[in-house]
Amino acid sequence: MRGELNGKTNDQLKNIHFENSDLLWDYLINMQRRENRFKELIYRGHADAEWLLIPTIYRFKYTSGLNFPKYTTQIAEQQLKDEFYLLKHFIYGCDEVGVSVPNDSIEFRNRNLSDIKIQEYCRQPSTWPSDELIEPMVMARLHGLPTRLLDWSRNPFVAVYFAVTDALRMQNRWLSGQKIAIFVLSIDKEFRDSNNQFRILHVRGSISTNVVAQQGLFTLNPIIEDRKEPMVIKSFEDFLNDQSSLVKLTIPIEESLNLFYLCNKFNCNAARLFPNADGACMYSIDQYLSMEAYRVS
């Protein structure tokens, strides 16, 4: 549940600030207790409260070093083609290493990866991606491919973990007054009925053990421009009809170490959230960074 790309988050967004880690932790616990079967709360963490809720595909051209045009000048048709071929090459790359892709078959590829299909998408950009491509796109996102998905968790402490470990990785660049943020999105039937521009995606756990461990789900930002219209970068909350359903919780970035200790105490760490050898490596690095932060605090 990580975010990047600096900017100014929407001033109309409800913001609740906490001065210390215990207050934020208790608030999140109480939020979980108040959740009922008619309403679902999902969470996302940012190491910098100024980072926008922008999918990785929009950040990609700013951070990859590739000489692409900026998205303020890129037309929707070209944007769609970039995403289509990134995903198509990911699927073919999985062939090269012998990794299975969800829903895969000869028929699946003929329906979804052909030149005819990309032409259909270009005529109607809002239809991208098809339902059959959602799970391959989720798999690609989980392995680092830029997509128009934003990842969230049903567990608030998973969001805290991602925010604070990102913050610890950049502790030599902390600024005075900098904050981390936890976004809380409240979903019920009324919310789903009134917010139909984007999609909330629950995917099968068989796609990745990470999805299960992180209690993960995703939102899909749509392409709303016509094929020849310029793309405009829009943050997630810009698609909400009622922004009261989204709350941003902030806390001074200096509280990251205390929050990291709380995450560890509740078994919310890289080894648990990435249940493989990569997670063990991340766990080791997280512990090292926390010791470095403790030494300079």
C-alpha atoms as a PDB file:
ATOM      1  CA  MET A   1       0.000   0.000   0.000  1.00  0.00           C
ATOM      2  CA  ARG A   2       2.689   2.412  -0.975  1.00  0.00           C
ATOM      3  CA  GLY A   3       2.386   5.751  -2.727  1.00  0.00           C
ATOM      4  CA  GLU A   4       4.573   8.265  -4.497  1.00  0.00           C
ATOM      5  CA  LEU A   5       4.465  11.405  -6.637  1.00  0.00           C
ATOM      6  CA  ASN A   6       4.501  14.618  -4.679  1.00  0.00           C
ATOM      7  CA  GLY A   7       1.613  17.010  -4.880  1.00  0.00           C
ATOM      8  CA  LYS A   8      -1.085  18.623  -2.826  1.00  0.00           C
ATOM      9  CA  THR A   9      -3.845  16.368  -1.586  1.00  0.00           C
ATOM     10  CA  ASN A  10      -7.393  17.679  -1.803  1.00  0.00           C
ATOM     11  CA  ASP A  11      -7.980  20.400   0.788  1.00  0.00           C
ATOM     12  CA  GLN A  12     -11.606  19.263   1.162  1.00  0.00           C
ATOM     13  CA  LEU A  13     -10.533  15.821   2.338  1.00  0.00           C
ATOM     14  CA  LYS A  14     -11.261  15.190   6.017  1.00  0.00           C
ATOM     15  CA  ASN A  15      -7.983  15.135   7.928  1.00  0.00           C
ATOM     16  CA  ILE A  16      -7.505  13.922  11.508  1.00  0.00           C
ATOM     17  CA  HIS A  17      -4.079  14.549  13.035  1.00  0.00           C
ATOM     18  CA  PHE A  18      -2.490  12.604  15.917  1.00  0.00           C
ATOM     19  CA  GLU A  19       0.537  13.750  17.865  1.00  0.00           C
ATOM     20  CA  ASN A  20       1.785  10.316  18.927  1.00  0.00           C
ATOM     21  CA  SER A  21       1.686   6.675  17.892  1.00  0.00           C
ATOM     22  CA  ASP A  22      -0.448   5.411  20.789  1.00  0.00           C
ATOM     23  CA  LEU A  23      -3.287   7.781  19.936  1.00  0.00           C
ATOM     24  CA  LEU A  24      -3.290   6.728  16.270  1.00  0.00           C
ATOM     25  CA  TRP A  25      -3.058   3.024  17.150  1.00  0.00           C
ATOM     26  CA  ASP A  26      -5.965   3.218  19.600  1.00  0.00           C
ATOM     27  CA  TYR A  27      -8.039   5.124  17.038  1.00  0.00           C
ATOM     28  CA  LEU A  28      -7.486   2.422  14.409  1.00  0.00           C
ATOM     29  CA  ILE A  29      -8.390  -0.332  16.873  1.00  0.00           C
ATOM     30  CA  ASN A  30     -11.619   1.466  17.750  1.00  0.00           C
ATOM     31  CA  MET A  31     -12.411   1.976  14.058  1.00  0.00           C
ATOM     32  CA  GLN A  32     -12.202  -1.771  13.546  1.00  0.00           C
ATOM     33  CA  ARG A  33     -14.506  -2.376  16.485  1.00  0.00           C
ATOM     34  CA  ARG A  34     -17.089   0.018  15.074  1.00  0.00           C
ATOM     35  CA  GLU A  35     -17.065  -1.598  11.625  1.00  0.00           C
ATOM     36  CA  ASN A  36     -20.223  -3.616  10.934  1.00  0.00           C
ATOM     37  CA  ARG A  37     -21.317  -6.136   8.344  1.00  0.00           C
ATOM     38  CA  PHE A  38     -22.976  -3.448   6.222  1.00  0.00           C
ATOM     39  CA  LYS A  39     -19.856  -1.303   5.897  1.00  0.00           C
ATOM     40  CA  GLU A  40     -16.285  -2.233   5.017  1.00  0.00           C
ATOM     41  CA  LEU A  41     -13.253  -0.144   5.902  1.00  0.00           C
ATOM     42  CA  ILE A  42     -10.110  -0.374   3.782  1.00  0.00           C
ATOM     43  CA  TYR A  43      -6.754   1.295   4.360  1.00  0.00           C
ATOM     44  CA  ARG A  44      -3.698   2.575   2.536  1.00  0.00           C
ATOM     45  CA  GLY A  45      -0.478   4.020   3.981  1.00  0.00           C
ATOM     46  CA  HIS A  46       1.829   6.750   2.645  1.00  0.00           C
ATOM     47  CA  ALA A  47       5.235   7.652   4.055  1.00  0.00           C
ATOM     48  CA  ASP A  48       4.583  11.274   3.117  1.00  0.00           C
ATOM     49  CA  ALA A  49       1.153  12.801   3.714  1.00  0.00           C
ATOM     50  CA  GLU A  50       1.662  15.031   0.646  1.00  0.00           C
ATOM     51  CA  TRP A  51       1.836  12.061  -1.725  1.00  0.00           C
ATOM     52  CA  LEU A  52      -1.235  11.732  -3.892  1.00  0.00           C
ATOM     53  CA  LEU A  53      -3.436   8.669  -4.293  1.00  0.00           C
ATOM     54  CA  ILE A  54      -2.035   8.099  -7.772  1.00  0.00           C
ATOM     55  CA  PRO A  55      -1.666   4.637  -9.386  1.00  0.00           C
ATOM     56  CA  THR A  56       1.842   3.532 -10.335  1.00  0.00           C
ATOM     57  CA  ILE A  57       1.207   3.817 -14.081  1.00  0.00           C
ATOM     58  CA  TYR A  58       0.922   7.599 -13.655  1.00  0.00           C
ATOM     59  CA  ARG A  59       4.090   7.754 -11.568  1.00  0.00           C
ATOM     60  CA  PHE A  60       6.033   5.444 -13.882  1.00  0.00           C
ATOM     61  CA  LYS A  61       6.986   7.993 -16.499  1.00  0.00           C
ATOM     62  CA  TYR A  62       8.229  10.396 -13.851  1.00  0.00           C
ATOM     63  CA  THR A  63      10.318   7.891 -11.901  1.00  0.00           C
ATOM     64  CA  SER A  64      11.558   5.322 -14.435  1.00  0.00           C
ATOM     65  CA  GLY A  65      13.965   7.625 -16.282  1.00  0.00           C
ATOM     66  CA  LEU A  66      12.308   6.756 -19.593  1.00  0.00           C
ATOM     67  CA  ASN A  67      11.908   9.572 -22.075  1.00  0.00           C
ATOM     68  CA  PHE A  68       8.115   9.464 -22.340  1.00  0.00           C
ATOM     69  CA  PRO A  69       5.986  12.603 -22.748  1.00  0.00           C
ATOM     70  CA  LYS A  70       4.396  13.837 -19.551  1.00  0.00           C
ATOM     71  CA  TYR A  71       0.840  12.799 -18.935  1.00  0.00           C
ATOM     72  CA  THR A  72      -0.499  16.306 -19.239  1.00  0.00           C
ATOM     73  CA  THR A  73       0.266  16.074 -22.966  1.00  0.00           C
ATOM     74  CA  GLN A  74      -0.254  12.345 -23.591  1.00  0.00           C
ATOM     75  CA  ILE A  75      -3.512  11.442 -25.315  1.00  0.00           C
ATOM     76  CA  ALA A  76      -5.756   8.715 -23.937  1.00  0.00           C
ATOM     77  CA  GLU A  77      -5.186   6.377 -26.882  1.00  0.00           C
ATOM     78  CA  GLN A  78      -1.405   6.377 -26.418  1.00  0.00           C
ATOM     79  CA  GLN A  79      -1.776   5.969 -22.657  1.00  0.00           C
ATOM     80  CA  LEU A  80      -3.945   2.912 -23.201  1.00  0.00           C
ATOM     81  CA  LYS A  81      -1.467   1.411 -25.678  1.00  0.00           C
ATOM     82  CA  ASP A  82       1.385   1.870 -23.190  1.00  0.00           C
ATOM     83  CA  GLU A  83      -0.559   0.006 -20.508  1.00  0.00           C
ATOM     84  CA  PHE A  84      -1.750  -2.698 -22.896  1.00  0.00           C
ATOM     85  CA  TYR A  85       1.747  -3.537 -24.121  1.00  0.00           C
ATOM     86  CA  LEU A  86       3.267  -3.409 -20.626  1.00  0.00           C
ATOM     87  CA  LEU A  87       0.752  -6.038 -19.489  1.00  0.00           C
ATOM     88  CA  LYS A  88       1.055  -8.084 -22.688  1.00  0.00           C
ATOM     89  CA  HIS A  89       4.849  -8.207 -22.360  1.00  0.00           C
ATOM     90  CA  PHE A  90       4.507  -9.187 -18.700  1.00  0.00           C
ATOM     91  CA  ILE A  91       2.354 -12.161 -19.701  1.00  0.00           C
ATOM     92  CA  TYR A  92       4.831 -13.204 -22.394  1.00  0.00           C
ATOM     93  CA  GLY A  93       7.641 -12.709 -19.891  1.00  0.00           C
ATOM     94  CA  CYS A  94       5.910 -15.168 -17.570  1.00  0.00           C
ATOM     95  CA  ASP A  95       6.130 -17.697 -20.428  1.00  0.00           C
ATOM     96  CA  GLU A  96       9.889 -17.190 -20.500  1.00  0.00           C
ATOM     97  CA  VAL A  97      10.257 -18.141 -16.828  1.00  0.00           C
ATOM     98  CA  GLY A  98       7.533 -20.798 -16.687  1.00  0.00           C
ATOM     99  CA  VAL A  99       5.126 -18.880 -14.417  1.00  0.00           C
ATOM    100  CA  SER A 100       1.368 -19.370 -14.768  1.00  0.00           C
ATOM    101  CA  VAL A 101      -0.883 -16.368 -15.356  1.00  0.00           C
ATOM    102  CA  PRO A 102      -4.490 -16.281 -14.027  1.00  0.00           C
ATOM    103  CA  ASN A 103      -7.189 -17.192 -16.580  1.00  0.00           C
ATOM    104  CA  ASP A 104      -4.564 -18.057 -19.184  1.00  0.00           C
ATOM    105  CA  SER A 105      -5.387 -20.105 -22.281  1.00  0.00           C
ATOM    106  CA  ILE A 106      -5.060 -19.829 -26.047  1.00  0.00           C
ATOM    107  CA  GLU A 107      -8.612 -18.476 -26.169  1.00  0.00           C
ATOM    108  CA  PHE A 108      -7.826 -15.952 -23.416  1.00  0.00           C
ATOM    109  CA  ARG A 109      -4.879 -14.595 -25.389  1.00  0.00           C
ATOM    110  CA  ASN A 110      -6.811 -14.472 -28.640  1.00  0.00           C
ATOM    111  CA  ARG A 111      -9.626 -12.542 -26.948  1.00  0.00           C
ATOM    112  CA  ASN A 112      -7.513 -10.142 -24.928  1.00  0.00           C
ATOM    113  CA  LEU A 113      -4.045  -9.683 -26.402  1.00  0.00           C
ATOM    114  CA  SER A 114      -4.653  -9.437 -30.143  1.00  0.00           C
ATOM    115  CA  ASP A 115      -4.147  -6.385 -32.365  1.00  0.00           C
ATOM    116  CA  ILE A 116      -7.908  -6.384 -32.939  1.00  0.00           C
ATOM    117  CA  LYS A 117      -8.499  -6.077 -29.183  1.00  0.00           C
ATOM    118  CA  ILE A 118      -6.166  -3.127 -28.753  1.00  0.00           C
ATOM    119  CA  GLN A 119      -8.032  -1.381 -31.569  1.00  0.00           C
ATOM    120  CA  GLU A 120     -11.309  -1.989 -29.714  1.00  0.00           C
ATOM    121  CA  TYR A 121      -9.847  -0.540 -26.533  1.00  0.00           C
ATOM    122  CA  CYS A 122      -8.586   2.498 -28.417  1.00  0.00           C
ATOM    123  CA  ARG A 123     -12.047   3.177 -29.796  1.00  0.00           C
ATOM    124  CA  GLN A 124     -13.480   3.017 -26.263  1.00  0.00           C
ATOM    125  CA  PRO A 125     -10.727   3.704 -23.690  1.00  0.00           C
ATOM    126  CA  SER A 126     -13.208   3.461 -20.801  1.00  0.00           C
ATOM    127  CA  THR A 127     -13.521  -0.311 -21.455  1.00  0.00           C
ATOM    128  CA  TRP A 128      -9.874  -0.893 -20.508  1.00  0.00           C
ATOM    129  CA  PRO A 129      -9.107  -3.371 -18.968  1.00  0.00           C
ATOM    130  CA  SER A 130     -11.517  -6.244 -19.575  1.00  0.00           C
ATOM    131  CA  ASP A 131     -12.702  -8.338 -16.637  1.00  0.00           C
ATOM    132  CA  GLU A 132     -10.506 -11.203 -17.819  1.00  0.00           C
ATOM    133  CA  LEU A 133      -7.405  -9.017 -17.556  1.00  0.00           C
ATOM    134  CA  ILE A 134      -8.031  -7.860 -13.987  1.00  0.00           C
ATOM    135  CA  GLU A 135      -6.365 -10.795 -12.242  1.00  0.00           C
ATOM    136  CA  PRO A 136      -3.328 -10.859 -14.580  1.00  0.00           C
ATOM    137  CA  MET A 137      -3.039  -7.108 -13.947  1.00  0.00           C
ATOM    138  CA  VAL A 138      -3.210  -7.680 -10.173  1.00  0.00           C
ATOM    139  CA  MET A 139      -0.503 -10.339 -10.431  1.00  0.00           C
ATOM    140  CA  ALA A 140       1.654  -7.977 -12.496  1.00  0.00           C
ATOM    141  CA  ARG A 141       1.127  -5.175  -9.958  1.00  0.00           C
ATOM    142  CA  LEU A 142       2.120  -7.432  -7.076  1.00  0.00           C
ATOM    143  CA  HIS A 143       5.395  -8.134  -8.847  1.00  0.00           C
ATOM    144  CA  GLY A 144       6.162  -4.478  -9.526  1.00  0.00           C
ATOM    145  CA  LEU A 145       4.628  -3.685 -12.913  1.00  0.00           C
ATOM    146  CA  PRO A 146       3.133  -0.167 -13.143  1.00  0.00           C
ATOM    147  CA  THR A 147      -0.651  -0.380 -13.534  1.00  0.00           C
ATOM    148  CA  ARG A 148      -3.734   1.750 -12.889  1.00  0.00           C
ATOM    149  CA  LEU A 149      -4.461  -0.246  -9.725  1.00  0.00           C
ATOM    150  CA  LEU A 150      -4.135   1.145  -6.202  1.00  0.00           C
ATOM    151  CA  ASP A 151      -3.564  -1.478  -3.527  1.00  0.00           C
ATOM    152  CA  TRP A 152      -5.375  -1.302  -0.177  1.00  0.00           C
ATOM    153  CA  SER A 153      -5.780  -3.585   2.841  1.00  0.00           C
ATOM    154  CA  ARG A 154      -8.654  -4.576   5.090  1.00  0.00           C
ATOM    155  CA  ASN A 155      -6.154  -4.462   7.962  1.00  0.00           C
ATOM    156  CA  PRO A 156      -5.229  -0.930   9.133  1.00  0.00           C
ATOM    157  CA  PHE A 157      -1.933  -2.100  10.599  1.00  0.00           C
ATOM    158  CA  VAL A 158      -0.794  -3.393   7.221  1.00  0.00           C
ATOM    159  CA  ALA A 159      -1.256   0.148   5.904  1.00  0.00           C
ATOM    160  CA  VAL A 160       0.701   1.483   8.889  1.00  0.00           C
ATOM    161  CA  TYR A 161       3.490  -1.018   8.207  1.00  0.00           C
ATOM    162  CA  PHE A 162       3.910   0.129   4.595  1.00  0.00           C
ATOM    163  CA  ALA A 163       3.844   3.802   5.582  1.00  0.00           C
ATOM    164  CA  VAL A 164       6.414   3.538   8.362  1.00  0.00           C
ATOM    165  CA  THR A 165       8.838   1.183   6.593  1.00  0.00           C
ATOM    166  CA  ASP A 166       8.839   3.493   3.571  1.00  0.00           C
ATOM    167  CA  ALA A 167       9.472   6.373   5.975  1.00  0.00           C
ATOM    168  CA  LEU A 168      12.386   4.550   7.635  1.00  0.00           C
ATOM    169  CA  ARG A 169      13.935   3.947   4.220  1.00  0.00           C
ATOM    170  CA  MET A 170      14.063   7.702   3.617  1.00  0.00           C
ATOM    171  CA  GLN A 171      14.886   8.828   7.169  1.00  0.00           C
ATOM    172  CA  ASN A 172      17.956  10.780   6.020  1.00  0.00           C
ATOM    173  CA  ARG A 173      15.589  12.996   3.976  1.00  0.00           C
ATOM    174  CA  TRP A 174      12.972  13.748   6.643  1.00  0.00           C
ATOM    175  CA  LEU A 175      11.866  17.369   6.741  1.00  0.00           C
ATOM    176  CA  SER A 176      10.671  19.429   9.666  1.00  0.00           C
ATOM    177  CA  GLY A 177       6.904  19.130   9.972  1.00  0.00           C
ATOM    178  CA  GLN A 178       6.683  16.141   7.616  1.00  0.00           C
ATOM    179  CA  LYS A 179       3.883  13.657   8.316  1.00  0.00           C
ATOM    180  CA  ILE A 180       2.926  10.140   7.301  1.00  0.00           C
ATOM    181  CA  ALA A 181      -0.661   9.348   6.341  1.00  0.00           C
ATOM    182  CA  ILE A 182      -3.128   6.480   6.614  1.00  0.00           C
ATOM    183  CA  PHE A 183      -6.104   6.740   4.266  1.00  0.00           C
ATOM    184  CA  VAL A 184      -9.351   5.131   5.387  1.00  0.00           C
ATOM    185  CA  LEU A 185     -12.074   4.459   2.817  1.00  0.00           C
ATOM    186  CA  SER A 186     -15.548   3.534   4.059  1.00  0.00           C
ATOM    187  CA  ILE A 187     -17.515   1.308   1.692  1.00  0.00           C
ATOM    188  CA  ASP A 188     -21.135   0.262   1.835  1.00  0.00           C
ATOM    189  CA  LYS A 189     -23.831  -0.476  -0.755  1.00  0.00           C
ATOM    190  CA  GLU A 190     -24.782   3.189  -1.062  1.00  0.00           C
ATOM    191  CA  PHE A 191     -21.138   4.070  -1.661  1.00  0.00           C
ATOM    192  CA  ARG A 192     -20.771   1.417  -4.372  1.00  0.00           C
ATOM    193  CA  ASP A 193     -23.980   2.537  -6.083  1.00  0.00           C
ATOM    194  CA  SER A 194     -22.990   6.210  -6.134  1.00  0.00           C
ATOM    195  CA  ASN A 195     -19.333   5.800  -7.140  1.00  0.00           C
ATOM    196  CA  ASN A 196     -19.372   3.966 -10.425  1.00  0.00           C
ATOM    197  CA  GLN A 197     -16.454   5.672 -12.169  1.00  0.00           C
ATOM    198  CA  PHE A 198     -13.906   3.435 -10.451  1.00  0.00           C
ATOM    199  CA  ARG A 199     -14.048  -0.197  -9.356  1.00  0.00           C
ATOM    200  CA  ILE A 200     -13.241  -1.944  -6.086  1.00  0.00           C
ATOM    201  CA  LEU A 201     -11.674  -5.319  -6.814  1.00  0.00           C
ATOM    202  CA  HIS A 202     -11.621  -8.354  -4.544  1.00  0.00           C
ATOM    203  CA  VAL A 203      -9.392 -10.989  -6.124  1.00  0.00           C
ATOM    204  CA  ARG A 204      -8.734 -14.643  -5.448  1.00  0.00           C
ATOM    205  CA  GLY A 205      -6.053 -15.421  -2.900  1.00  0.00           C
ATOM    206  CA  SER A 206      -4.623 -18.052  -5.223  1.00  0.00           C
ATOM    207  CA  ILE A 207      -3.126 -15.269  -7.350  1.00  0.00           C
ATOM    208  CA  SER A 208      -0.494 -14.603  -4.680  1.00  0.00           C
ATOM    209  CA  THR A 209       0.132 -15.488  -1.054  1.00  0.00           C
ATOM    210  CA  ASN A 210       0.873 -11.776  -0.581  1.00  0.00           C
ATOM    211  CA  VAL A 211      -2.792 -10.924  -1.250  1.00  0.00           C
ATOM    212  CA  VAL A 212      -3.877 -13.284   1.530  1.00  0.00           C
ATOM    213  CA  ALA A 213      -1.189 -12.229   4.006  1.00  0.00           C
ATOM    214  CA  GLN A 214      -1.804  -8.525   3.435  1.00  0.00           C
ATOM    215  CA  GLN A 215      -5.615  -8.873   3.307  1.00  0.00           C
ATOM    216  CA  GLY A 216      -5.306  -7.003   0.076  1.00  0.00           C
ATOM    217  CA  LEU A 217      -7.780  -5.598  -2.412  1.00  0.00           C
ATOM    218  CA  PHE A 218      -7.541  -2.981  -5.151  1.00  0.00           C
ATOM    219  CA  THR A 219      -9.220   0.029  -6.683  1.00  0.00           C
ATOM    220  CA  LEU A 220      -9.106   0.623 -10.431  1.00  0.00           C
ATOM    221  CA  ASN A 221      -8.930   4.200 -11.693  1.00  0.00           C
ATOM    222  CA  PRO A 222     -10.724   4.504 -15.053  1.00  0.00           C
ATOM    223  CA  ILE A 223      -9.744   6.218 -18.268  1.00  0.00           C
ATOM    224  CA  ILE A 224     -12.516   8.756 -18.714  1.00  0.00           C
ATOM    225  CA  GLU A 225     -11.111  10.737 -21.657  1.00  0.00           C
ATOM    226  CA  ASP A 226     -12.008  10.052 -25.286  1.00  0.00           C
ATOM    227  CA  ARG A 227      -9.270   8.503 -27.401  1.00  0.00           C
ATOM    228  CA  LYS A 228      -7.877  11.772 -28.799  1.00  0.00           C
ATOM    229  CA  GLU A 229      -8.275  13.818 -25.600  1.00  0.00           C
ATOM    230  CA  PRO A 230      -5.245  14.619 -23.423  1.00  0.00           C
ATOM    231  CA  MET A 231      -4.863  12.516 -20.298  1.00  0.00           C
ATOM    232  CA  VAL A 232      -5.179  14.385 -17.011  1.00  0.00           C
ATOM    233  CA  ILE A 233      -3.608  13.020 -13.839  1.00  0.00           C
ATOM    234  CA  LYS A 234      -6.363  12.584 -11.268  1.00  0.00           C
ATOM    235  CA  SER A 235      -5.929  11.422  -7.704  1.00  0.00           C
ATOM    236  CA  PHE A 236      -8.261   8.744  -6.394  1.00  0.00           C
ATOM    237  CA  GLU A 237     -10.381  11.101  -4.320  1.00  0.00           C
ATOM    238  CA  ASP A 238     -11.157  13.146  -7.453  1.00  0.00           C
ATOM    239  CA  PHE A 239     -13.394  10.274  -8.566  1.00  0.00           C
ATOM    240  CA  LEU A 240     -15.412  10.217  -5.340  1.00  0.00           C
ATOM    241  CA  ASN A 241     -18.903  11.683  -5.492  1.00  0.00           C
ATOM    242  CA  ASP A 242     -18.914  12.023  -1.708  1.00  0.00           C
ATOM    243  CA  GLN A 243     -15.470  12.697  -0.270  1.00  0.00           C
ATOM    244  CA  SER A 244     -16.713  12.204   3.285  1.00  0.00           C
ATOM    245  CA  SER A 245     -16.201   8.467   2.712  1.00  0.00           C
ATOM    246  CA  LEU A 246     -12.426   9.019   2.638  1.00  0.00           C
ATOM    247  CA  VAL A 247     -10.476  10.175   5.684  1.00  0.00           C
ATOM    248  CA  LYS A 248      -6.767  10.929   5.954  1.00  0.00           C
ATOM    249  CA  LEU A 249      -5.132  10.237   9.321  1.00  0.00           C
ATOM    250  CA  THR A 250      -1.766  11.957   9.809  1.00  0.00           C
ATOM    251  CA  ILE A 251       1.015  11.745  12.374  1.00  0.00           C
ATOM    252  CA  PRO A 252       4.522  13.285  12.591  1.00  0.00           C
ATOM    253  CA  ILE A 253       7.038  11.239  10.628  1.00  0.00           C
ATOM    254  CA  GLU A 254       9.247  11.112  13.734  1.00  0.00           C
ATOM    255  CA  GLU A 255       6.680   8.679  15.206  1.00  0.00           C
ATOM    256  CA  SER A 256       7.551   6.115  12.518  1.00  0.00           C
ATOM    257  CA  LEU A 257       9.907   4.173  14.783  1.00  0.00           C
ATOM    258  CA  ASN A 258       7.304   3.822  17.557  1.00  0.00           C
ATOM    259  CA  LEU A 259       4.720   2.710  15.021  1.00  0.00           C
ATOM    260  CA  PHE A 260       7.209   0.217  13.598  1.00  0.00           C
ATOM    261  CA  TYR A 261       7.631  -1.297  17.078  1.00  0.00           C
ATOM    262  CA  LEU A 262       3.847  -1.550  17.444  1.00  0.00           C
ATOM    263  CA  CYS A 263       3.572  -3.281  14.062  1.00  0.00           C
ATOM    264  CA  ASN A 264       6.184  -5.813  15.157  1.00  0.00           C
ATOM    265  CA  LYS A 265       4.386  -6.358  18.449  1.00  0.00           C
ATOM    266  CA  PHE A 266       1.229  -7.268  16.523  1.00  0.00           C
ATOM    267  CA  ASN A 267       3.149  -9.544  14.098  1.00  0.00           C
ATOM    268  CA  CYS A 268       2.688  -7.122  11.220  1.00  0.00           C
ATOM    269  CA  ASN A 269       6.094  -7.352   9.561  1.00  0.00           C
ATOM    270  CA  ALA A 270       7.652  -8.184   6.196  1.00  0.00           C
ATOM    271  CA  ALA A 271       8.123 -11.867   7.028  1.00  0.00           C
ATOM    272  CA  ARG A 272       4.380 -12.191   7.690  1.00  0.00           C
ATOM    273  CA  LEU A 273       3.203  -9.956   4.833  1.00  0.00           C
ATOM    274  CA  PHE A 274       5.535 -11.444   2.216  1.00  0.00           C
ATOM    275  CA  PRO A 275       5.611 -15.136   3.195  1.00  0.00           C
ATOM    276  CA  ASN A 276       8.696 -16.178   1.230  1.00  0.00           C
ATOM    277  CA  ALA A 277      12.450 -15.618   1.198  1.00  0.00           C
ATOM    278  CA  ASP A 278      11.964 -12.107  -0.221  1.00  0.00           C
ATOM    279  CA  GLY A 279       9.920 -11.284   2.865  1.00  0.00           C
ATOM    280  CA  ALA A 280      12.702 -12.598   5.109  1.00  0.00           C
ATOM    281  CA  CYS A 281      15.166 -10.308   3.312  1.00  0.00           C
ATOM    282  CA  MET A 282      12.835  -7.329   3.688  1.00  0.00           C
ATOM    283  CA  TYR A 283      12.357  -8.214   7.351  1.00  0.00           C
ATOM    284  CA  SER A 284      16.122  -8.114   7.913  1.00  0.00           C
ATOM    285  CA  ILE A 285      16.448  -4.724   6.200  1.00  0.00           C
ATOM    286  CA  ASP A 286      13.491  -3.304   8.164  1.00  0.00           C
ATOM    287  CA  GLN A 287      15.079  -4.379  11.452  1.00  0.00           C
ATOM    288  CA  TYR A 288      18.397  -2.826  10.461  1.00  0.00           C
ATOM    289  CA  LEU A 289      16.750   0.469   9.491  1.00  0.00           C
ATOM    290  CA  SER A 290      14.837   0.554  12.769  1.00  0.00           C
ATOM    291  CA  MET A 291      18.111   0.112  14.697  1.00  0.00           C
ATOM    292  CA  GLU A 292      19.669   2.940  12.700  1.00  0.00           C
ATOM    293  CA  ALA A 293      16.674   5.160  13.489  1.00  0.00           C
ATOM    294  CA  TYR A 294      16.922   4.270  17.170  1.00  0.00           C
ATOM    295  CA  ARG A 295      20.634   5.181  17.249  1.00  0.00           C
ATOM    296  CA  VAL A 296      20.052   8.673  15.869  1.00  0.00           C
ATOM    297  CA  SER A 297      16.865   9.371  17.857  1.00  0.00           C
END
